[in-house]
PDB file of N, CA and C in Angstrom:
ATOM      1  N   UNK A   1      92.564 101.039  58.836  1.00  0.00           N
ATOM      2  CA  UNK A   1      93.932 101.735  58.701  1.00  0.00           C
ATOM      3  C   UNK A   1      94.613 101.944  60.161  1.00  0.00           C
ATOM      4  N   UNK A   2      93.855 102.038  61.243  1.00  0.00           N
ATOM      5  CA  UNK A   2      94.425 101.974  62.462  1.00  0.00           C
ATOM      6  C   UNK A   2      94.880 100.779  63.030  1.00  0.00           C
ATOM      7  N   UNK A   3      94.279  99.819  62.612  1.00  0.00           N
ATOM      8  CA  UNK A   3      94.675  98.470  62.952  1.00  0.00           C
ATOM      9  C   UNK A   3      95.826  97.933  62.177  1.00  0.00           C
ATOM     10  N   UNK A   4      96.178  98.420  60.989  1.00  0.00           N
ATOM     11  CA  UNK A   4      97.281  97.984  60.297  1.00  0.00           C
ATOM     12  C   UNK A   4      98.502  98.692  60.808  1.00  0.00           C
ATOM     13  N   UNK A   5      98.331 100.032  61.166  1.00  0.00           N
ATOM     14  CA  UNK A   5      99.251 100.646  61.815  1.00  0.00           C
ATOM     15  C   UNK A   5      99.793 100.197  63.221  1.00  0.00           C
ATOM     16  N   UNK A   6      98.752  99.726  63.937  1.00  0.00           N
ATOM     17  CA  UNK A   6      99.163  99.117  65.313  1.00  0.00           C
ATOM     18  C   UNK A   6      99.872  97.945  65.127  1.00  0.00           C
ATOM     19  N   UNK A   7      99.429  97.166  64.144  1.00  0.00           N
ATOM     20  CA  UNK A   7     100.229  95.785  63.656  1.00  0.00           C
ATOM     21  C   UNK A   7     101.619  96.102  63.329  1.00  0.00           C
ATOM     22  N   UNK A   8     101.879  97.147  62.667  1.00  0.00           N
ATOM     23  CA  UNK A   8     103.217  97.576  62.189  1.00  0.00           C
ATOM     24  C   UNK A   8     104.150  98.167  63.470  1.00  0.00           C
ATOM     25  N   UNK A   9     103.322  98.923  64.305  1.00  0.00           N
ATOM     26  CA  UNK A   9     104.070  99.426  65.404  1.00  0.00           C
ATOM     27  C   UNK A   9     104.546  98.303  66.351  1.00  0.00           C
ATOM     28  N   UNK A  10     103.769  97.276  66.524  1.00  0.00           N
ATOM     29  CA  UNK A  10     104.039  96.121  67.246  1.00  0.00           C
ATOM     30  C   UNK A  10     105.225  95.363  66.940  1.00  0.00           C
ATOM     31  N   UNK A  11     105.115  95.257  65.546  1.00  0.00           N
ATOM     32  CA  UNK A  11     106.349  94.331  64.829  1.00  0.00           C
ATOM     33  C   UNK A  11     107.714  95.170  65.005  1.00  0.00           C
ATOM     34  N   UNK A  12     107.514  96.443  64.751  1.00  0.00           N
ATOM     35  CA  UNK A  12     108.522  97.500  64.871  1.00  0.00           C
ATOM     36  C   UNK A  12     109.234  97.254  66.385  1.00  0.00           C
ATOM     37  N   UNK A  13     108.305  97.284  67.211  1.00  0.00           N
ATOM     38  CA  UNK A  13     108.694  97.211  68.648  1.00  0.00           C
ATOM     39  C   UNK A  13     109.374  95.936  69.015  1.00  0.00           C
ATOM     40  N   UNK A  14     108.804  94.998  68.447  1.00  0.00           N
ATOM     41  CA  UNK A  14     109.351  93.571  68.749  1.00  0.00           C
ATOM     42  C   UNK A  14     111.011  93.504  68.056  1.00  0.00           C
ATOM     43  N   UNK A  15     111.056  93.969  66.856  1.00  0.00           N
ATOM     44  CA  UNK A  15     112.356  94.021  66.266  1.00  0.00           C
ATOM     45  C   UNK A  15     113.369  94.990  66.870  1.00  0.00           C
ATOM     46  N   UNK A  16     112.850  96.063  67.366  1.00  0.00           N
ATOM     47  CA  UNK A  16     113.841  96.926  68.155  1.00  0.00           C
ATOM     48  C   UNK A  16     114.231  96.301  69.331  1.00  0.00           C
ATOM     49  N   UNK A  17     113.395  95.858  70.277  1.00  0.00           N
ATOM     50  CA  UNK A  17     113.747  95.106  71.320  1.00  0.00           C
ATOM     51  C   UNK A  17     114.584  93.975  71.236  1.00  0.00           C
ATOM     52  N   UNK A  18     114.344  93.169  70.145  1.00  0.00           N
ATOM     53  CA  UNK A  18     115.405  92.139  69.918  1.00  0.00           C
ATOM     54  C   UNK A  18     116.728  92.548  69.505  1.00  0.00           C
ATOM     55  N   UNK A  19     116.776  93.632  68.979  1.00  0.00           N
ATOM     56  CA  UNK A  19     118.115  94.145  68.260  1.00  0.00           C
ATOM     57  C   UNK A  19     118.794  94.764  69.661  1.00  0.00           C
ATOM     58  N   UNK A  20     117.980  95.431  70.436  1.00  0.00           N
ATOM     59  CA  UNK A  20     118.615  95.792  71.611  1.00  0.00           C
ATOM     60  C   UNK A  20     119.149  94.988  72.575  1.00  0.00           C
ATOM     61  N   UNK A  21     118.360  93.744  72.674  1.00  0.00           N
ATOM     62  CA  UNK A  21     118.797  92.668  73.306  1.00  0.00           C
ATOM     63  C   UNK A  21     120.149  92.240  72.912  1.00  0.00           C
ATOM     64  N   UNK A  22     120.176  91.993  71.652  1.00  0.00           N
ATOM     65  CA  UNK A  22     121.461  91.345  70.951  1.00  0.00           C
ATOM     66  C   UNK A  22     122.717  92.283  71.274  1.00  0.00           C
ATOM     67  N   UNK A  23     122.410  93.662  70.920  1.00  0.00           N
ATOM     68  CA  UNK A  23     123.511  94.653  71.275  1.00  0.00           C
ATOM     69  C   UNK A  23     123.989  94.626  72.808  1.00  0.00           C
ATOM     70  N   UNK A  24     123.004  94.555  73.480  1.00  0.00           N
ATOM     71  CA  UNK A  24     123.378  94.514  74.990  1.00  0.00           C
ATOM     72  C   UNK A  24     124.039  93.217  75.570  1.00  0.00           C
ATOM     73  N   UNK A  25     123.879  92.077  74.927  1.00  0.00           N
ATOM     74  CA  UNK A  25     124.624  90.957  74.896  1.00  0.00           C
ATOM     75  C   UNK A  25     125.902  91.142  74.563  1.00  0.00           C
ATOM     76  N   UNK A  26     126.133  91.484  73.260  1.00  0.00           N
ATOM     77  CA  UNK A  26     127.417  91.672  72.621  1.00  0.00           C
ATOM     78  C   UNK A  26     128.345  92.601  73.410  1.00  0.00           C
ATOM     79  N   UNK A  27     127.755  93.813  73.805  1.00  0.00           N
ATOM     80  CA  UNK A  27     128.468  94.818  74.499  1.00  0.00           C
ATOM     81  C   UNK A  27     128.597  94.528  75.940  1.00  0.00           C
ATOM     82  N   UNK A  28     127.899  93.588  76.531  1.00  0.00           N
ATOM     83  CA  UNK A  28     127.963  93.350  77.942  1.00  0.00           C
ATOM     84  C   UNK A  28     127.418  94.496  78.818  1.00  0.00           C
ATOM     85  N   UNK A  29     126.388  95.140  78.260  1.00  0.00           N
ATOM     86  CA  UNK A  29     125.774  96.281  78.929  1.00  0.00           C
ATOM     87  C   UNK A  29     124.659  95.790  80.128  1.00  0.00           C
ATOM     88  N   UNK A  30     124.704  96.417  81.234  1.00  0.00           N
ATOM     89  CA  UNK A  30     123.684  96.269  82.165  1.00  0.00           C
ATOM     90  C   UNK A  30     123.559  94.961  82.788  1.00  0.00           C
ATOM     91  N   UNK A  31     124.401  94.058  82.724  1.00  0.00           N
ATOM     92  CA  UNK A  31     124.541  92.794  83.489  1.00  0.00           C
ATOM     93  C   UNK A  31     123.289  91.870  83.090  1.00  0.00           C
ATOM     94  N   UNK A  32     122.295  91.646  83.721  1.00  0.00           N
ATOM     95  CA  UNK A  32     121.053  90.892  83.169  1.00  0.00           C
ATOM     96  C   UNK A  32     120.053  91.726  82.645  1.00  0.00           C
ATOM     97  N   UNK A  33     120.180  93.028  82.578  1.00  0.00           N
ATOM     98  CA  UNK A  33     119.071  93.828  82.020  1.00  0.00           C
ATOM     99  C   UNK A  33     118.761  93.606  80.610  1.00  0.00           C
ATOM    100  N   UNK A  34     119.586  93.066  79.748  1.00  0.00           N
ATOM    101  CA  UNK A  34     119.411  92.884  78.353  1.00  0.00           C
ATOM    102  C   UNK A  34     118.249  91.611  78.266  1.00  0.00           C
ATOM    103  N   UNK A  35     118.239  90.761  79.180  1.00  0.00           N
ATOM    104  CA  UNK A  35     117.451  89.720  79.296  1.00  0.00           C
ATOM    105  C   UNK A  35     115.965  90.249  79.579  1.00  0.00           C
ATOM    106  N   UNK A  36     115.825  91.165  80.132  1.00  0.00           N
ATOM    107  CA  UNK A  36     114.461  91.864  80.298  1.00  0.00           C
ATOM    108  C   UNK A  36     113.926  92.399  78.988  1.00  0.00           C
ATOM    109  N   UNK A  37     114.929  92.854  78.220  1.00  0.00           N
ATOM    110  CA  UNK A  37     114.454  93.221  76.759  1.00  0.00           C
ATOM    111  C   UNK A  37     114.015  92.138  76.063  1.00  0.00           C
ATOM    112  N   UNK A  38     114.558  90.924  76.280  1.00  0.00           N
ATOM    113  CA  UNK A  38     114.211  89.700  75.507  1.00  0.00           C
ATOM    114  C   UNK A  38     112.666  89.483  75.933  1.00  0.00           C
ATOM    115  N   UNK A  39     112.577  89.444  77.326  1.00  0.00           N
ATOM    116  CA  UNK A  39     111.297  89.130  77.805  1.00  0.00           C
ATOM    117  C   UNK A  39     110.127  90.000  77.179  1.00  0.00           C
ATOM    118  N   UNK A  40     110.430  91.307  77.142  1.00  0.00           N
ATOM    119  CA  UNK A  40     109.534  92.262  76.677  1.00  0.00           C
ATOM    120  C   UNK A  40     109.217  91.871  75.109  1.00  0.00           C
ATOM    121  N   UNK A  41     110.294  91.579  74.447  1.00  0.00           N
ATOM    122  CA  UNK A  41     110.126  91.245  73.110  1.00  0.00           C
ATOM    123  C   UNK A  41     109.256  89.951  72.810  1.00  0.00           C
ATOM    124  N   UNK A  42     109.463  89.024  73.727  1.00  0.00           N
ATOM    125  CA  UNK A  42     108.623  87.832  73.748  1.00  0.00           C
ATOM    126  C   UNK A  42     107.262  88.184  73.987  1.00  0.00           C
ATOM    127  N   UNK A  43     107.000  89.157  75.035  1.00  0.00           N
ATOM    128  CA  UNK A  43     105.526  89.350  75.418  1.00  0.00           C
ATOM    129  C   UNK A  43     104.873  90.200  74.170  1.00  0.00           C
ATOM    130  N   UNK A  44     105.562  91.125  73.566  1.00  0.00           N
ATOM    131  CA  UNK A  44     104.964  91.731  72.303  1.00  0.00           C
ATOM    132  C   UNK A  44     104.701  90.770  71.220  1.00  0.00           C
ATOM    133  N   UNK A  45     105.542  89.832  71.030  1.00  0.00           N
ATOM    134  CA  UNK A  45     105.280  88.889  70.150  1.00  0.00           C
ATOM    135  C   UNK A  45     104.163  87.984  70.297  1.00  0.00           C
ATOM    136  N   UNK A  46     103.992  87.641  71.446  1.00  0.00           N
ATOM    137  CA  UNK A  46     102.779  86.775  71.951  1.00  0.00           C
ATOM    138  C   UNK A  46     101.661  87.554  71.799  1.00  0.00           C
ATOM    139  N   UNK A  47     101.513  88.833  72.348  1.00  0.00           N
ATOM    140  CA  UNK A  47     100.450  89.508  72.061  1.00  0.00           C
ATOM    141  C   UNK A  47     100.106  89.755  70.703  1.00  0.00           C
ATOM    142  N   UNK A  48     101.085  89.965  69.804  1.00  0.00           N
ATOM    143  CA  UNK A  48     100.795  90.075  68.292  1.00  0.00           C
ATOM    144  C   UNK A  48     100.144  88.992  67.784  1.00  0.00           C
ATOM    145  N   UNK A  49     100.728  87.784  68.144  1.00  0.00           N
ATOM    146  CA  UNK A  49     100.201  86.477  67.566  1.00  0.00           C
ATOM    147  C   UNK A  49      98.779  86.241  67.978  1.00  0.00           C
ATOM    148  N   UNK A  50      98.599  86.672  69.352  1.00  0.00           N
ATOM    149  CA  UNK A  50      97.159  86.391  69.830  1.00  0.00           C
ATOM    150  C   UNK A  50      96.148  87.251  69.791  1.00  0.00           C
ATOM    151  N   UNK A  51      96.582  88.502  69.405  1.00  0.00           N
ATOM    152  CA  UNK A  51      95.538  89.480  69.169  1.00  0.00           C
ATOM    153  C   UNK A  51      94.504  89.382  68.063  1.00  0.00           C
ATOM    154  N   UNK A  52      93.290  89.560  68.159  1.00  0.00           N
ATOM    155  CA  UNK A  52      92.407  89.441  67.286  1.00  0.00           C
ATOM    156  C   UNK A  52      92.099  90.692  66.504  1.00  0.00           C
ATOM    157  N   UNK A  53      92.379  90.719  65.282  1.00  0.00           N
ATOM    158  CA  UNK A  53      92.193  91.879  64.578  1.00  0.00           C
ATOM    159  C   UNK A  53      90.698  91.996  63.887  1.00  0.00           C
ATOM    160  N   UNK A  54      90.065  92.944  64.271  1.00  0.00           N
ATOM    161  CA  UNK A  54      88.705  93.133  63.927  1.00  0.00           C
ATOM    162  C   UNK A  54      88.597  93.400  62.296  1.00  0.00           C
ATOM    163  N   UNK A  55      87.760  92.892  61.600  1.00  0.00           N
ATOM    164  CA  UNK A  55      87.610  93.263  60.196  1.00  0.00           C
ATOM    165  C   UNK A  55      87.309  94.682  60.041  1.00  0.00           C
ATOM    166  N   UNK A  56      87.824  95.393  59.013  1.00  0.00           N
ATOM    167  CA  UNK A  56      87.568  96.762  58.631  1.00  0.00           C
ATOM    168  C   UNK A  56      86.205  96.946  58.064  1.00  0.00           C
TER     169      UNK A  56
END
């Protein structure tokens, strides 16, 4: 149960960061700061894809 919740939290975080990056670019907020959000989203995605889930 905890593994499934962590999986969902990581995916939600990825989508939130990706949406924040998109909004930041469209609105021109923070100069280059939105690109850091994209880097964080990519890091979360890579972790999610490489993380080994232990069987319940």
